[in-house]
Amino acid sequence: MDKEKNHLYLNMFFGTIGIVLVGISALKYQVVMDDIEGYIISYAGFIFTAGYIKYIEKKAGISNKIIWIKAGISIALFLIISFIFYPF
């Protein structure tokens, strides 16, 4: 891979970590505040942001296969972290 492609994948990695952290913070908000409106707004923002990131990655030329693999990994990472920190 060339240097530009590696830089693109590095930014994609940090974007994925960032969106997972935003989701975890929305979960923390739900646990601490017990506010249904804030819960809906924070998760709607999380979903819209994830959709926008997917759109940007597609515009950047990243293949659908890599986008879906990244999405699966980020969902699994979110679930694992949320069950570790906030068991139900």
C-alpha atoms as a PDB file:
ATOM      1  CA  MET A   1       0.000   0.000   0.000  1.00  0.00           C
ATOM      2  CA  ASP A   2       1.158   3.493  -0.623  1.00  0.00           C
ATOM      3  CA  LYS A   3       1.614   6.120   2.055  1.00  0.00           C
ATOM      4  CA  GLU A   4      -1.645   7.956   1.270  1.00  0.00           C
ATOM      5  CA  LYS A   5      -3.705   4.753   1.577  1.00  0.00           C
ATOM      6  CA  ASN A   6      -2.063   3.943   4.928  1.00  0.00           C
ATOM      7  CA  HIS A   7      -2.888   7.451   6.159  1.00  0.00           C
ATOM      8  CA  LEU A   8      -6.502   6.985   5.055  1.00  0.00           C
ATOM      9  CA  TYR A   9      -6.806   3.700   6.967  1.00  0.00           C
ATOM     10  CA  LEU A  10      -5.183   5.236  10.056  1.00  0.00           C
ATOM     11  CA  ASN A  11      -7.732   8.048  10.023  1.00  0.00           C
ATOM     12  CA  MET A  12     -10.508   5.489   9.538  1.00  0.00           C
ATOM     13  CA  PHE A  13      -9.229   3.602  12.602  1.00  0.00           C
ATOM     14  CA  PHE A  14      -9.230   6.723  14.778  1.00  0.00           C
ATOM     15  CA  GLY A  15     -12.678   7.693  13.483  1.00  0.00           C
ATOM     16  CA  THR A  16     -13.991   4.265  14.464  1.00  0.00           C
ATOM     17  CA  ILE A  17     -12.500   4.526  17.952  1.00  0.00           C
ATOM     18  CA  GLY A  18     -14.015   8.003  18.279  1.00  0.00           C
ATOM     19  CA  ILE A  19     -17.516   6.891  17.305  1.00  0.00           C
ATOM     20  CA  VAL A  20     -17.311   3.955  19.739  1.00  0.00           C
ATOM     21  CA  LEU A  21     -16.292   6.357  22.527  1.00  0.00           C
ATOM     22  CA  VAL A  22     -19.225   8.630  21.669  1.00  0.00           C
ATOM     23  CA  GLY A  23     -21.549   5.621  21.924  1.00  0.00           C
ATOM     24  CA  ILE A  24     -20.062   4.620  25.276  1.00  0.00           C
ATOM     25  CA  SER A  25     -20.509   8.157  26.574  1.00  0.00           C
ATOM     26  CA  ALA A  26     -24.151   8.109  25.430  1.00  0.00           C
ATOM     27  CA  LEU A  27     -24.579   4.873  27.361  1.00  0.00           C
ATOM     28  CA  LYS A  28     -22.943   6.448  30.421  1.00  0.00           C
ATOM     29  CA  TYR A  29     -25.333   9.402  30.114  1.00  0.00           C
ATOM     30  CA  GLN A  30     -28.256   6.997  30.053  1.00  0.00           C
ATOM     31  CA  VAL A  31     -27.038   5.140  33.143  1.00  0.00           C
ATOM     32  CA  VAL A  32     -26.236   8.241  35.198  1.00  0.00           C
ATOM     33  CA  MET A  33     -29.056  10.602  34.252  1.00  0.00           C
ATOM     34  CA  ASP A  34     -31.904   8.166  33.535  1.00  0.00           C
ATOM     35  CA  ASP A  35     -33.323  10.743  31.106  1.00  0.00           C
ATOM     36  CA  ILE A  36     -35.344   9.284  28.224  1.00  0.00           C
ATOM     37  CA  GLU A  37     -35.190  12.425  26.032  1.00  0.00           C
ATOM     38  CA  GLY A  38     -31.430  12.729  26.425  1.00  0.00           C
ATOM     39  CA  TYR A  39     -31.114   9.027  25.723  1.00  0.00           C
ATOM     40  CA  ILE A  40     -33.033   9.347  22.448  1.00  0.00           C
ATOM     41  CA  ILE A  41     -31.151  12.466  21.358  1.00  0.00           C
ATOM     42  CA  SER A  42     -27.721  11.033  22.149  1.00  0.00           C
ATOM     43  CA  TYR A  43     -28.330   7.749  20.334  1.00  0.00           C
ATOM     44  CA  ALA A  44     -29.951   9.510  17.372  1.00  0.00           C
ATOM     45  CA  GLY A  45     -26.844  11.685  17.131  1.00  0.00           C
ATOM     46  CA  PHE A  46     -24.675   8.585  17.371  1.00  0.00           C
ATOM     47  CA  ILE A  47     -26.579   6.898  14.523  1.00  0.00           C
ATOM     48  CA  PHE A  48     -26.536  10.006  12.312  1.00  0.00           C
ATOM     49  CA  THR A  49     -22.811  10.500  12.903  1.00  0.00           C
ATOM     50  CA  ALA A  50     -22.067   6.854  12.097  1.00  0.00           C
ATOM     51  CA  GLY A  51     -24.091   7.157   8.887  1.00  0.00           C
ATOM     52  CA  TYR A  52     -22.217  10.301   7.890  1.00  0.00           C
ATOM     53  CA  ILE A  53     -18.860   8.660   8.546  1.00  0.00           C
ATOM     54  CA  LYS A  54     -19.920   5.752   6.322  1.00  0.00           C
ATOM     55  CA  TYR A  55     -20.838   8.234   3.579  1.00  0.00           C
ATOM     56  CA  ILE A  56     -17.487  10.031   3.890  1.00  0.00           C
ATOM     57  CA  GLU A  57     -15.578   6.743   3.777  1.00  0.00           C
ATOM     58  CA  LYS A  58     -17.428   5.749   0.621  1.00  0.00           C
ATOM     59  CA  LYS A  59     -16.582   9.129  -0.966  1.00  0.00           C
ATOM     60  CA  ALA A  60     -12.926   8.599   0.008  1.00  0.00           C
ATOM     61  CA  GLY A  61     -12.836   5.423  -2.067  1.00  0.00           C
ATOM     62  CA  ILE A  62     -12.849   2.788   0.653  1.00  0.00           C
ATOM     63  CA  SER A  63     -14.459  -0.450  -0.512  1.00  0.00           C
ATOM     64  CA  ASN A  64     -17.809  -1.588   0.867  1.00  0.00           C
ATOM     65  CA  LYS A  65     -16.209  -4.774   2.189  1.00  0.00           C
ATOM     66  CA  ILE A  66     -13.805  -2.821   4.402  1.00  0.00           C
ATOM     67  CA  ILE A  67     -16.570  -0.440   5.515  1.00  0.00           C
ATOM     68  CA  TRP A  68     -18.801  -3.319   6.618  1.00  0.00           C
ATOM     69  CA  ILE A  69     -15.938  -5.147   8.342  1.00  0.00           C
ATOM     70  CA  LYS A  70     -15.131  -1.927  10.230  1.00  0.00           C
ATOM     71  CA  ALA A  71     -18.793  -1.499  11.140  1.00  0.00           C
ATOM     72  CA  GLY A  72     -18.990  -5.050  12.500  1.00  0.00           C
ATOM     73  CA  ILE A  73     -15.825  -4.592  14.529  1.00  0.00           C
ATOM     74  CA  SER A  74     -17.014  -1.270  15.934  1.00  0.00           C
ATOM     75  CA  ILE A  75     -20.401  -2.733  16.926  1.00  0.00           C
ATOM     76  CA  ALA A  76     -18.699  -5.696  18.600  1.00  0.00           C
ATOM     77  CA  LEU A  77     -16.265  -3.365  20.355  1.00  0.00           C
ATOM     78  CA  PHE A  78     -19.122  -1.162  21.560  1.00  0.00           C
ATOM     79  CA  LEU A  79     -21.044  -4.163  22.917  1.00  0.00           C
ATOM     80  CA  ILE A  80     -18.016  -5.649  24.658  1.00  0.00           C
ATOM     81  CA  ILE A  81     -17.029  -2.360  26.311  1.00  0.00           C
ATOM     82  CA  SER A  82     -20.606  -1.573  27.322  1.00  0.00           C
ATOM     83  CA  PHE A  83     -21.090  -5.002  28.947  1.00  0.00           C
ATOM     84  CA  ILE A  84     -17.768  -4.715  30.769  1.00  0.00           C
ATOM     85  CA  PHE A  85     -18.405  -1.222  32.197  1.00  0.00           C
ATOM     86  CA  TYR A  86     -22.193  -1.294  32.520  1.00  0.00           C
ATOM     87  CA  PRO A  87     -23.457  -4.834  33.104  1.00  0.00           C
ATOM     88  CA  PHE A  88     -27.211  -5.181  32.874  1.00  0.00           C
END
